[in-house]
């Protein structure tokens, strides 16, 4: 039991610290569970036309609560924040590219040294 009531059921175990104070990265299996939870949550958001689950938090919580719980249980909170921000950034990037293509912009070849 924690100071402010019981802890979340099925909460992920906290990352283990190393001798130098760093943390051990999640293994392949834990990362796969995280990505599965993320994909299910984002699929629910897509189904409900929600792009930014932070700004539209109430709507996302109402419509995708089960998926959100699994996503947050299987991923570190920093990963959850990162994936949510990345989703919005990628959407904005895709919309900008579509707009530019609609205005007649074309791809240019970038030469590598």
PDB file of N, CA and C in Angstrom:
ATOM      1  N   UNK A   1       0.838  -1.178   0.000  1.00  0.00           N
ATOM      2  CA  UNK A   1       0.000   0.000   0.000  1.00  0.00           C
ATOM      3  C   UNK A   1       0.881   1.237   0.000  1.00  0.00           C
ATOM      4  N   UNK A   2       0.478   2.234  -0.745  1.00  0.00           N
ATOM      5  CA  UNK A   2       1.258   3.461  -0.815  1.00  0.00           C
ATOM      6  C   UNK A   2       0.711   4.493   0.166  1.00  0.00           C
ATOM      7  N   UNK A   3       1.334   5.626   0.196  1.00  0.00           N
ATOM      8  CA  UNK A   3       0.929   6.683   1.110  1.00  0.00           C
ATOM      9  C   UNK A   3      -0.476   7.190   0.821  1.00  0.00           C
ATOM     10  N   UNK A   4      -0.879   7.239  -0.444  1.00  0.00           N
ATOM     11  CA  UNK A   4      -2.154   7.824  -0.812  1.00  0.00           C
ATOM     12  C   UNK A   4      -3.141   6.774  -1.301  1.00  0.00           C
ATOM     13  N   UNK A   5      -3.225   5.673  -0.632  1.00  0.00           N
ATOM     14  CA  UNK A   5      -4.156   4.626  -1.021  1.00  0.00           C
ATOM     15  C   UNK A   5      -3.420   3.500  -1.721  1.00  0.00           C
ATOM     16  N   UNK A   6      -4.184   2.602  -2.264  1.00  0.00           N
ATOM     17  CA  UNK A   6      -3.568   1.447  -2.912  1.00  0.00           C
ATOM     18  C   UNK A   6      -2.967   1.851  -4.250  1.00  0.00           C
ATOM     19  N   UNK A   7      -1.971   1.102  -4.653  1.00  0.00           N
ATOM     20  CA  UNK A   7      -1.341   1.389  -5.940  1.00  0.00           C
ATOM     21  C   UNK A   7      -2.208   0.860  -7.065  1.00  0.00           C
ATOM     22  N   UNK A   8      -1.893   1.265  -8.302  1.00  0.00           N
ATOM     23  CA  UNK A   8      -2.654   0.827  -9.467  1.00  0.00           C
ATOM     24  C   UNK A   8      -2.538  -0.683  -9.615  1.00  0.00           C
ATOM     25  N   UNK A   9      -3.625  -1.349  -9.977  1.00  0.00           N
ATOM     26  CA  UNK A   9      -3.521  -2.781 -10.218  1.00  0.00           C
ATOM     27  C   UNK A   9      -2.717  -3.035 -11.481  1.00  0.00           C
ATOM     28  N   UNK A  10      -1.919  -4.080 -11.452  1.00  0.00           N
ATOM     29  CA  UNK A  10      -1.103  -4.472 -12.595  1.00  0.00           C
ATOM     30  C   UNK A  10      -0.161  -3.368 -13.052  1.00  0.00           C
ATOM     31  N   UNK A  11       0.251  -2.502 -12.137  1.00  0.00           N
ATOM     32  CA  UNK A  11       1.175  -1.443 -12.509  1.00  0.00           C
ATOM     33  C   UNK A  11       2.518  -2.057 -12.870  1.00  0.00           C
ATOM     34  N   UNK A  12       3.203  -1.501 -13.866  1.00  0.00           N
ATOM     35  CA  UNK A  12       4.495  -2.063 -14.236  1.00  0.00           C
ATOM     36  C   UNK A  12       5.491  -1.850 -13.118  1.00  0.00           C
ATOM     37  N   UNK A  13       6.433  -2.772 -13.016  1.00  0.00           N
ATOM     38  CA  UNK A  13       7.437  -2.597 -11.984  1.00  0.00           C
ATOM     39  C   UNK A  13       8.357  -1.452 -12.377  1.00  0.00           C
ATOM     40  N   UNK A  14       8.835  -0.748 -11.380  1.00  0.00           N
ATOM     41  CA  UNK A  14       9.705   0.405 -11.632  1.00  0.00           C
ATOM     42  C   UNK A  14      11.020  -0.079 -12.235  1.00  0.00           C
ATOM     43  N   UNK A  15      11.621   0.748 -13.101  1.00  0.00           N
ATOM     44  CA  UNK A  15      12.900   0.346 -13.687  1.00  0.00           C
ATOM     45  C   UNK A  15      13.950   0.198 -12.596  1.00  0.00           C
ATOM     46  N   UNK A  16      14.800  -0.782 -12.759  1.00  0.00           N
ATOM     47  CA  UNK A  16      15.844  -1.042 -11.770  1.00  0.00           C
ATOM     48  C   UNK A  16      17.038  -0.140 -12.036  1.00  0.00           C
ATOM     49  N   UNK A  17      17.604   0.396 -10.970  1.00  0.00           N
ATOM     50  CA  UNK A  17      18.755   1.290 -11.084  1.00  0.00           C
ATOM     51  C   UNK A  17      20.043   0.477 -11.119  1.00  0.00           C
ATOM     52  N   UNK A  18      21.021   0.996 -11.832  1.00  0.00           N
ATOM     53  CA  UNK A  18      22.339   0.371 -11.869  1.00  0.00           C
ATOM     54  C   UNK A  18      23.198   0.993 -10.779  1.00  0.00           C
ATOM     55  N   UNK A  19      24.411   0.485 -10.631  1.00  0.00           N
ATOM     56  CA  UNK A  19      25.309   0.981  -9.585  1.00  0.00           C
ATOM     57  C   UNK A  19      25.665   2.445  -9.780  1.00  0.00           C
ATOM     58  N   UNK A  20      25.706   2.906 -11.028  1.00  0.00           N
ATOM     59  CA  UNK A  20      26.077   4.295 -11.286  1.00  0.00           C
ATOM     60  C   UNK A  20      24.887   5.249 -11.264  1.00  0.00           C
ATOM     61  N   UNK A  21      23.706   4.761 -10.921  1.00  0.00           N
ATOM     62  CA  UNK A  21      22.531   5.621 -10.818  1.00  0.00           C
ATOM     63  C   UNK A  21      21.661   5.649 -12.059  1.00  0.00           C
ATOM     64  N   UNK A  22      22.117   5.036 -13.156  1.00  0.00           N
ATOM     65  CA  UNK A  22      21.311   4.966 -14.365  1.00  0.00           C
ATOM     66  C   UNK A  22      20.236   3.902 -14.221  1.00  0.00           C
ATOM     67  N   UNK A  23      19.457   3.701 -15.257  1.00  0.00           N
ATOM     68  CA  UNK A  23      18.410   2.695 -15.226  1.00  0.00           C
ATOM     69  C   UNK A  23      18.623   1.682 -16.327  1.00  0.00           C
ATOM     70  N   UNK A  24      18.205   0.460 -16.061  1.00  0.00           N
ATOM     71  CA  UNK A  24      18.319  -0.614 -17.032  1.00  0.00           C
ATOM     72  C   UNK A  24      17.186  -0.465 -18.039  1.00  0.00           C
ATOM     73  N   UNK A  25      17.541  -0.454 -19.315  1.00  0.00           N
ATOM     74  CA  UNK A  25      16.552  -0.301 -20.382  1.00  0.00           C
ATOM     75  C   UNK A  25      15.669  -1.542 -20.449  1.00  0.00           C
ATOM     76  N   UNK A  26      14.421  -1.361 -20.883  1.00  0.00           N
ATOM     77  CA  UNK A  26      13.532  -2.509 -21.015  1.00  0.00           C
ATOM     78  C   UNK A  26      14.050  -3.480 -22.076  1.00  0.00           C
ATOM     79  N   UNK A  27      13.828  -4.760 -21.848  1.00  0.00           N
ATOM     80  CA  UNK A  27      14.279  -5.755 -22.809  1.00  0.00           C
ATOM     81  C   UNK A  27      13.335  -5.825 -24.008  1.00  0.00           C
ATOM     82  N   UNK A  28      13.671  -6.646 -24.969  1.00  0.00           N
ATOM     83  CA  UNK A  28      12.914  -6.757 -26.214  1.00  0.00           C
ATOM     84  C   UNK A  28      11.446  -7.098 -25.951  1.00  0.00           C
ATOM     85  N   UNK A  29      11.199  -7.992 -25.029  1.00  0.00           N
ATOM     86  CA  UNK A  29       9.837  -8.419 -24.716  1.00  0.00           C
ATOM     87  C   UNK A  29       9.011  -7.264 -24.145  1.00  0.00           C
ATOM     88  N   UNK A  30       9.601  -6.505 -23.230  1.00  0.00           N
ATOM     89  CA  UNK A  30       8.886  -5.370 -22.637  1.00  0.00           C
ATOM     90  C   UNK A  30       8.622  -4.278 -23.670  1.00  0.00           C
ATOM     91  N   UNK A  31       9.589  -4.041 -24.549  1.00  0.00           N
ATOM     92  CA  UNK A  31       9.382  -3.054 -25.612  1.00  0.00           C
ATOM     93  C   UNK A  31       8.264  -3.491 -26.551  1.00  0.00           C
ATOM     94  N   UNK A  32       8.216  -4.785 -26.875  1.00  0.00           N
ATOM     95  CA  UNK A  32       7.163  -5.300 -27.756  1.00  0.00           C
ATOM     96  C   UNK A  32       5.792  -5.102 -27.123  1.00  0.00           C
ATOM     97  N   UNK A  33       5.672  -5.347 -25.814  1.00  0.00           N
ATOM     98  CA  UNK A  33       4.394  -5.125 -25.117  1.00  0.00           C
ATOM     99  C   UNK A  33       4.017  -3.650 -25.140  1.00  0.00           C
ATOM    100  N   UNK A  34       4.998  -2.798 -24.979  1.00  0.00           N
ATOM    101  CA  UNK A  34       4.754  -1.353 -25.020  1.00  0.00           C
ATOM    102  C   UNK A  34       4.216  -0.961 -26.389  1.00  0.00           C
ATOM    103  N   UNK A  35       4.879  -1.414 -27.443  1.00  0.00           N
ATOM    104  CA  UNK A  35       4.468  -1.052 -28.805  1.00  0.00           C
ATOM    105  C   UNK A  35       3.094  -1.607 -29.151  1.00  0.00           C
ATOM    106  N   UNK A  36       2.779  -2.806 -28.637  1.00  0.00           N
ATOM    107  CA  UNK A  36       1.442  -3.373 -28.865  1.00  0.00           C
ATOM    108  C   UNK A  36       0.381  -2.495 -28.201  1.00  0.00           C
ATOM    109  N   UNK A  37       0.660  -2.066 -26.971  1.00  0.00           N
ATOM    110  CA  UNK A  37      -0.268  -1.189 -26.265  1.00  0.00           C
ATOM    111  C   UNK A  37      -0.421   0.148 -26.967  1.00  0.00           C
ATOM    112  N   UNK A  38       0.693   0.700 -27.432  1.00  0.00           N
ATOM    113  CA  UNK A  38       0.655   1.962 -28.173  1.00  0.00           C
ATOM    114  C   UNK A  38      -0.171   1.826 -29.443  1.00  0.00           C
ATOM    115  N   UNK A  39       0.085   0.760 -30.201  1.00  0.00           N
ATOM    116  CA  UNK A  39      -0.618   0.560 -31.465  1.00  0.00           C
ATOM    117  C   UNK A  39      -2.125   0.402 -31.250  1.00  0.00           C
ATOM    118  N   UNK A  40      -2.520  -0.333 -30.214  1.00  0.00           N
ATOM    119  CA  UNK A  40      -3.944  -0.513 -29.920  1.00  0.00           C
ATOM    120  C   UNK A  40      -4.576   0.818 -29.512  1.00  0.00           C
ATOM    121  N   UNK A  41      -3.863   1.600 -28.708  1.00  0.00           N
ATOM    122  CA  UNK A  41      -4.374   2.896 -28.274  1.00  0.00           C
ATOM    123  C   UNK A  41      -4.514   3.845 -29.465  1.00  0.00           C
ATOM    124  N   UNK A  42      -3.499   3.904 -30.305  1.00  0.00           N
ATOM    125  CA  UNK A  42      -3.551   4.785 -31.472  1.00  0.00           C
ATOM    126  C   UNK A  42      -4.612   4.334 -32.471  1.00  0.00           C
ATOM    127  N   UNK A  43      -4.840   3.030 -32.599  1.00  0.00           N
ATOM    128  CA  UNK A  43      -5.901   2.539 -33.480  1.00  0.00           C
ATOM    129  C   UNK A  43      -7.256   3.010 -32.975  1.00  0.00           C
ATOM    130  N   UNK A  44      -7.452   2.987 -31.667  1.00  0.00           N
ATOM    131  CA  UNK A  44      -8.697   3.484 -31.077  1.00  0.00           C
ATOM    132  C   UNK A  44      -8.836   4.982 -31.323  1.00  0.00           C
ATOM    133  N   UNK A  45      -7.753   5.729 -31.156  1.00  0.00           N
ATOM    134  CA  UNK A  45      -7.793   7.169 -31.421  1.00  0.00           C
ATOM    135  C   UNK A  45      -8.140   7.427 -32.884  1.00  0.00           C
ATOM    136  N   UNK A  46      -7.526   6.672 -33.789  1.00  0.00           N
ATOM    137  CA  UNK A  46      -7.811   6.828 -35.221  1.00  0.00           C
ATOM    138  C   UNK A  46      -9.283   6.549 -35.515  1.00  0.00           C
ATOM    139  N   UNK A  47      -9.804   5.485 -34.909  1.00  0.00           N
ATOM    140  CA  UNK A  47     -11.200   5.099 -35.122  1.00  0.00           C
ATOM    141  C   UNK A  47     -12.154   6.206 -34.674  1.00  0.00           C
ATOM    142  N   UNK A  48     -11.740   6.971 -33.666  1.00  0.00           N
ATOM    143  CA  UNK A  48     -12.584   8.029 -33.112  1.00  0.00           C
ATOM    144  C   UNK A  48     -12.156   9.429 -33.561  1.00  0.00           C
ATOM    145  N   UNK A  49     -11.295   9.496 -34.575  1.00  0.00           N
ATOM    146  CA  UNK A  49     -10.838  10.771 -35.146  1.00  0.00           C
ATOM    147  C   UNK A  49     -10.228  11.712 -34.105  1.00  0.00           C
ATOM    148  N   UNK A  50      -9.379  11.162 -33.262  1.00  0.00           N
ATOM    149  CA  UNK A  50      -8.661  11.950 -32.260  1.00  0.00           C
ATOM    150  C   UNK A  50      -7.187  11.949 -32.653  1.00  0.00           C
ATOM    151  N   UNK A  51      -6.649  13.124 -32.923  1.00  0.00           N
ATOM    152  CA  UNK A  51      -5.232  13.228 -33.281  1.00  0.00           C
ATOM    153  C   UNK A  51      -4.391  13.477 -32.036  1.00  0.00           C
ATOM    154  N   UNK A  52      -4.754  14.491 -31.262  1.00  0.00           N
ATOM    155  CA  UNK A  52      -3.989  14.892 -30.090  1.00  0.00           C
ATOM    156  C   UNK A  52      -4.704  14.425 -28.829  1.00  0.00           C
ATOM    157  N   UNK A  53      -4.226  13.325 -28.267  1.00  0.00           N
ATOM    158  CA  UNK A  53      -4.876  12.767 -27.077  1.00  0.00           C
ATOM    159  C   UNK A  53      -4.556  13.562 -25.817  1.00  0.00           C
ATOM    160  N   UNK A  54      -3.638  14.508 -25.913  1.00  0.00           N
ATOM    161  CA  UNK A  54      -3.348  15.369 -24.762  1.00  0.00           C
ATOM    162  C   UNK A  54      -4.365  16.504 -24.727  1.00  0.00           C
ATOM    163  N   UNK A  55      -4.540  17.198 -25.848  1.00  0.00           N
ATOM    164  CA  UNK A  55      -5.502  18.305 -25.894  1.00  0.00           C
ATOM    165  C   UNK A  55      -6.942  17.808 -25.818  1.00  0.00           C
ATOM    166  N   UNK A  56      -7.193  16.642 -26.396  1.00  0.00           N
ATOM    167  CA  UNK A  56      -8.536  16.066 -26.368  1.00  0.00           C
ATOM    168  C   UNK A  56      -8.584  14.931 -25.348  1.00  0.00           C
ATOM    169  N   UNK A  57      -7.981  15.161 -24.202  1.00  0.00           N
ATOM    170  CA  UNK A  57      -7.839  14.140 -23.180  1.00  0.00           C
ATOM    171  C   UNK A  57      -9.138  13.560 -22.675  1.00  0.00           C
ATOM    172  N   UNK A  58     -10.132  14.421 -22.435  1.00  0.00           N
ATOM    173  CA  UNK A  58     -11.408  13.924 -21.924  1.00  0.00           C
ATOM    174  C   UNK A  58     -12.073  12.996 -22.931  1.00  0.00           C
ATOM    175  N   UNK A  59     -12.064  13.387 -24.181  1.00  0.00           N
ATOM    176  CA  UNK A  59     -12.668  12.568 -25.232  1.00  0.00           C
ATOM    177  C   UNK A  59     -11.899  11.254 -25.384  1.00  0.00           C
ATOM    178  N   UNK A  60     -10.574  11.328 -25.371  1.00  0.00           N
ATOM    179  CA  UNK A  60      -9.748  10.126 -25.499  1.00  0.00           C
ATOM    180  C   UNK A  60      -9.971   9.189 -24.313  1.00  0.00           C
ATOM    181  N   UNK A  61     -10.038   9.744 -23.107  1.00  0.00           N
ATOM    182  CA  UNK A  61     -10.266   8.922 -21.919  1.00  0.00           C
ATOM    183  C   UNK A  61     -11.631   8.248 -21.956  1.00  0.00           C
ATOM    184  N   UNK A  62     -12.606   8.962 -22.465  1.00  0.00           N
ATOM    185  CA  UNK A  62     -13.966   8.422 -22.529  1.00  0.00           C
ATOM    186  C   UNK A  62     -14.072   7.290 -23.548  1.00  0.00           C
ATOM    187  N   UNK A  63     -13.461   7.482 -24.719  1.00  0.00           N
ATOM    188  CA  UNK A  63     -13.640   6.527 -25.810  1.00  0.00           C
ATOM    189  C   UNK A  63     -12.584   5.421 -25.851  1.00  0.00           C
ATOM    190  N   UNK A  64     -11.416   5.662 -25.285  1.00  0.00           N
ATOM    191  CA  UNK A  64     -10.313   4.698 -25.401  1.00  0.00           C
ATOM    192  C   UNK A  64      -9.690   4.379 -24.041  1.00  0.00           C
ATOM    193  N   UNK A  65     -10.497   4.314 -23.014  1.00  0.00           N
ATOM    194  CA  UNK A  65      -9.946   4.143 -21.665  1.00  0.00           C
ATOM    195  C   UNK A  65      -9.240   2.806 -21.479  1.00  0.00           C
ATOM    196  N   UNK A  66      -9.799   1.721 -22.000  1.00  0.00           N
ATOM    197  CA  UNK A  66      -9.157   0.414 -21.825  1.00  0.00           C
ATOM    198  C   UNK A  66      -7.805   0.368 -22.525  1.00  0.00           C
ATOM    199  N   UNK A  67      -7.747   0.893 -23.735  1.00  0.00           N
ATOM    200  CA  UNK A  67      -6.499   0.900 -24.486  1.00  0.00           C
ATOM    201  C   UNK A  67      -5.461   1.798 -23.824  1.00  0.00           C
ATOM    202  N   UNK A  68      -5.935   2.921 -23.273  1.00  0.00           N
ATOM    203  CA  UNK A  68      -5.036   3.849 -22.598  1.00  0.00           C
ATOM    204  C   UNK A  68      -4.400   3.204 -21.374  1.00  0.00           C
ATOM    205  N   UNK A  69      -5.206   2.476 -20.617  1.00  0.00           N
ATOM    206  CA  UNK A  69      -4.689   1.816 -19.414  1.00  0.00           C
ATOM    207  C   UNK A  69      -3.595   0.824 -19.788  1.00  0.00           C
ATOM    208  N   UNK A  70      -3.830   0.008 -20.803  1.00  0.00           N
ATOM    209  CA  UNK A  70      -2.819  -0.979 -21.209  1.00  0.00           C
ATOM    210  C   UNK A  70      -1.565  -0.292 -21.736  1.00  0.00           C
ATOM    211  N   UNK A  71      -1.745   0.776 -22.506  1.00  0.00           N
ATOM    212  CA  UNK A  71      -0.616   1.541 -23.032  1.00  0.00           C
ATOM    213  C   UNK A  71       0.230   2.079 -21.888  1.00  0.00           C
ATOM    214  N   UNK A  72      -0.412   2.696 -20.908  1.00  0.00           N
ATOM    215  CA  UNK A  72       0.322   3.301 -19.803  1.00  0.00           C
ATOM    216  C   UNK A  72       0.898   2.262 -18.852  1.00  0.00           C
ATOM    217  N   UNK A  73       0.291   1.080 -18.770  1.00  0.00           N
ATOM    218  CA  UNK A  73       0.833   0.017 -17.923  1.00  0.00           C
ATOM    219  C   UNK A  73       2.083  -0.605 -18.535  1.00  0.00           C
ATOM    220  N   UNK A  74       2.111  -0.692 -19.857  1.00  0.00           N
ATOM    221  CA  UNK A  74       3.198  -1.402 -20.524  1.00  0.00           C
ATOM    222  C   UNK A  74       4.354  -0.513 -20.960  1.00  0.00           C
ATOM    223  N   UNK A  75       4.211   0.794 -20.846  1.00  0.00           N
ATOM    224  CA  UNK A  75       5.267   1.715 -21.272  1.00  0.00           C
ATOM    225  C   UNK A  75       5.660   2.644 -20.129  1.00  0.00           C
ATOM    226  N   UNK A  76       6.907   3.033 -20.130  1.00  0.00           N
ATOM    227  CA  UNK A  76       7.372   4.045 -19.182  1.00  0.00           C
ATOM    228  C   UNK A  76       6.632   5.348 -19.463  1.00  0.00           C
ATOM    229  N   UNK A  77       6.371   6.134 -18.440  1.00  0.00           N
ATOM    230  CA  UNK A  77       5.610   7.378 -18.632  1.00  0.00           C
ATOM    231  C   UNK A  77       6.305   8.314 -19.617  1.00  0.00           C
ATOM    232  N   UNK A  78       7.630   8.324 -19.625  1.00  0.00           N
ATOM    233  CA  UNK A  78       8.345   9.169 -20.593  1.00  0.00           C
ATOM    234  C   UNK A  78       8.104   8.679 -22.018  1.00  0.00           C
ATOM    235  N   UNK A  79       7.962   7.375 -22.205  1.00  0.00           N
ATOM    236  CA  UNK A  79       7.673   6.827 -23.528  1.00  0.00           C
ATOM    237  C   UNK A  79       6.259   7.198 -23.951  1.00  0.00           C
ATOM    238  N   UNK A  80       5.314   7.137 -23.014  1.00  0.00           N
ATOM    239  CA  UNK A  80       3.918   7.486 -23.319  1.00  0.00           C
ATOM    240  C   UNK A  80       3.860   8.932 -23.807  1.00  0.00           C
ATOM    241  N   UNK A  81       4.504   9.838 -23.075  1.00  0.00           N
ATOM    242  CA  UNK A  81       4.516  11.244 -23.472  1.00  0.00           C
ATOM    243  C   UNK A  81       5.174  11.413 -24.837  1.00  0.00           C
ATOM    244  N   UNK A  82       6.297  10.742 -25.046  1.00  0.00           N
ATOM    245  CA  UNK A  82       7.012  10.840 -26.313  1.00  0.00           C
ATOM    246  C   UNK A  82       6.141  10.371 -27.474  1.00  0.00           C
ATOM    247  N   UNK A  83       5.518   9.204 -27.347  1.00  0.00           N
ATOM    248  CA  UNK A  83       4.694   8.654 -28.432  1.00  0.00           C
ATOM    249  C   UNK A  83       3.495   9.550 -28.734  1.00  0.00           C
ATOM    250  N   UNK A  84       2.886  10.117 -27.694  1.00  0.00           N
ATOM    251  CA  UNK A  84       1.735  11.001 -27.920  1.00  0.00           C
ATOM    252  C   UNK A  84       2.162  12.263 -28.667  1.00  0.00           C
ATOM    253  N   UNK A  85       3.285  12.853 -28.282  1.00  0.00           N
ATOM    254  CA  UNK A  85       3.785  14.049 -28.967  1.00  0.00           C
ATOM    255  C   UNK A  85       4.234  13.725 -30.387  1.00  0.00           C
ATOM    256  N   UNK A  86       4.859  12.570 -30.550  1.00  0.00           N
ATOM    257  CA  UNK A  86       5.324  12.173 -31.881  1.00  0.00           C
ATOM    258  C   UNK A  86       4.143  11.963 -32.828  1.00  0.00           C
ATOM    259  N   UNK A  87       3.044  11.414 -32.319  1.00  0.00           N
ATOM    260  CA  UNK A  87       1.853  11.199 -33.135  1.00  0.00           C
ATOM    261  C   UNK A  87       1.369  12.524 -33.716  1.00  0.00           C
ATOM    262  N   UNK A  88       1.299  13.554 -32.890  1.00  0.00           N
ATOM    263  CA  UNK A  88       0.836  14.864 -33.334  1.00  0.00           C
ATOM    264  C   UNK A  88       1.825  15.467 -34.327  1.00  0.00           C
ATOM    265  N   UNK A  89       3.111  15.357 -34.027  1.00  0.00           N
ATOM    266  CA  UNK A  89       4.141  15.903 -34.908  1.00  0.00           C
ATOM    267  C   UNK A  89       4.090  15.235 -36.277  1.00  0.00           C
ATOM    268  N   UNK A  90       3.943  13.919 -36.320  1.00  0.00           N
ATOM    269  CA  UNK A  90       3.882  13.202 -37.593  1.00  0.00           C
ATOM    270  C   UNK A  90       2.631  13.582 -38.385  1.00  0.00           C
ATOM    271  N   UNK A  91       1.518  13.770 -37.702  1.00  0.00           N
ATOM    272  CA  UNK A  91       0.287  14.194 -38.375  1.00  0.00           C
ATOM    273  C   UNK A  91       0.494  15.575 -39.001  1.00  0.00           C
ATOM    274  N   UNK A  92       1.075  16.505 -38.231  1.00  0.00           N
ATOM    275  CA  UNK A  92       1.312  17.853 -38.747  1.00  0.00           C
ATOM    276  C   UNK A  92       2.281  17.819 -39.928  1.00  0.00           C
ATOM    277  N   UNK A  93       3.315  16.996 -39.856  1.00  0.00           N
ATOM    278  CA  UNK A  93       4.263  16.852 -40.956  1.00  0.00           C
ATOM    279  C   UNK A  93       3.557  16.350 -42.214  1.00  0.00           C
ATOM    280  N   UNK A  94       2.730  15.315 -42.057  1.00  0.00           N
ATOM    281  CA  UNK A  94       2.017  14.750 -43.213  1.00  0.00           C
ATOM    282  C   UNK A  94       1.063  15.769 -43.827  1.00  0.00           C
ATOM    283  N   UNK A  95       0.394  16.554 -42.989  1.00  0.00           N
ATOM    284  CA  UNK A  95      -0.523  17.570 -43.494  1.00  0.00           C
ATOM    285  C   UNK A  95       0.235  18.661 -44.245  1.00  0.00           C
ATOM    286  N   UNK A  96       1.402  19.044 -43.740  1.00  0.00           N
ATOM    287  CA  UNK A  96       2.228  20.048 -44.417  1.00  0.00           C
ATOM    288  C   UNK A  96       2.701  19.532 -45.772  1.00  0.00           C
ATOM    289  N   UNK A  97       3.132  18.277 -45.827  1.00  0.00           N
ATOM    290  CA  UNK A  97       3.574  17.696 -47.097  1.00  0.00           C
ATOM    291  C   UNK A  97       2.424  17.642 -48.103  1.00  0.00           C
ATOM    292  N   UNK A  98       1.236  17.271 -47.640  1.00  0.00           N
ATOM    293  CA  UNK A  98       0.069  17.238 -48.539  1.00  0.00           C
ATOM    294  C   UNK A  98      -0.247  18.636 -49.068  1.00  0.00           C
ATOM    295  N   UNK A  99      -0.178  19.625 -48.191  1.00  0.00           N
ATOM    296  CA  UNK A  99      -0.453  20.999 -48.595  1.00  0.00           C
ATOM    297  C   UNK A  99       0.562  21.475 -49.620  1.00  0.00           C
ATOM    298  N   UNK A 100       1.835  21.188 -49.379  1.00  0.00           N
ATOM    299  CA  UNK A 100       2.884  21.595 -50.305  1.00  0.00           C
ATOM    300  C   UNK A 100       2.737  20.911 -51.659  1.00  0.00           C
ATOM    301  N   UNK A 101       2.401  19.632 -51.648  1.00  0.00           N
ATOM    302  CA  UNK A 101       2.202  18.922 -52.909  1.00  0.00           C
ATOM    303  C   UNK A 101       0.996  19.487 -53.655  1.00  0.00           C
ATOM    304  N   UNK A 102      -0.033  19.868 -52.910  1.00  0.00           N
ATOM    305  CA  UNK A 102      -1.210  20.481 -53.530  1.00  0.00           C
ATOM    306  C   UNK A 102      -0.898  21.832 -54.144  1.00  0.00           C
ATOM    307  N   UNK A 103       0.127  22.508 -53.623  1.00  0.00           N
ATOM    308  CA  UNK A 103       0.532  23.808 -54.158  1.00  0.00           C
ATOM    309  C   UNK A 103       1.543  23.662 -55.293  1.00  0.00           C
ATOM    310  N   UNK A 104       1.838  22.412 -55.660  1.00  0.00           N
ATOM    311  CA  UNK A 104       2.747  22.195 -56.789  1.00  0.00           C
ATOM    312  C   UNK A 104       4.195  21.973 -56.411  1.00  0.00           C
ATOM    313  N   UNK A 105       4.505  21.812 -55.149  1.00  0.00           N
ATOM    314  CA  UNK A 105       5.886  21.567 -54.744  1.00  0.00           C
ATOM    315  C   UNK A 105       6.308  20.176 -55.203  1.00  0.00           C
ATOM    316  N   UNK A 106       7.576  20.016 -55.476  1.00  0.00           N
ATOM    317  CA  UNK A 106       8.076  18.711 -55.900  1.00  0.00           C
ATOM    318  C   UNK A 106       9.259  18.326 -55.012  1.00  0.00           C
ATOM    319  N   UNK A 107       9.514  17.029 -54.950  1.00  0.00           N
ATOM    320  CA  UNK A 107      10.641  16.518 -54.177  1.00  0.00           C
ATOM    321  C   UNK A 107      11.941  16.879 -54.879  1.00  0.00           C
ATOM    322  N   UNK A 108      12.955  17.137 -54.091  1.00  0.00           N
ATOM    323  CA  UNK A 108      14.272  17.362 -54.667  1.00  0.00           C
ATOM    324  C   UNK A 108      15.201  16.277 -54.154  1.00  0.00           C
ATOM    325  N   UNK A 109      16.148  15.914 -54.984  1.00  0.00           N
ATOM    326  CA  UNK A 109      17.109  14.896 -54.599  1.00  0.00           C
ATOM    327  C   UNK A 109      18.165  15.536 -53.706  1.00  0.00           C
ATOM    328  N   UNK A 110      18.460  14.887 -52.602  1.00  0.00           N
ATOM    329  CA  UNK A 110      19.493  15.365 -51.695  1.00  0.00           C
ATOM    330  C   UNK A 110      20.741  14.537 -51.942  1.00  0.00           C
ATOM    331  N   UNK A 111      21.853  15.211 -52.226  1.00  0.00           N
ATOM    332  CA  UNK A 111      23.085  14.501 -52.504  1.00  0.00           C
ATOM    333  C   UNK A 111      23.819  14.247 -51.198  1.00  0.00           C
ATOM    334  N   UNK A 112      24.235  13.023 -51.025  1.00  0.00           N
ATOM    335  CA  UNK A 112      25.016  12.622 -49.847  1.00  0.00           C
ATOM    336  C   UNK A 112      26.494  12.765 -50.171  1.00  0.00           C
ATOM    337  N   UNK A 113      27.287  13.157 -49.235  1.00  0.00           N
ATOM    338  CA  UNK A 113      28.740  13.279 -49.446  1.00  0.00           C
ATOM    339  C   UNK A 113      29.396  11.951 -49.317  1.00  0.00           C
TER     340      UNK A 113
END
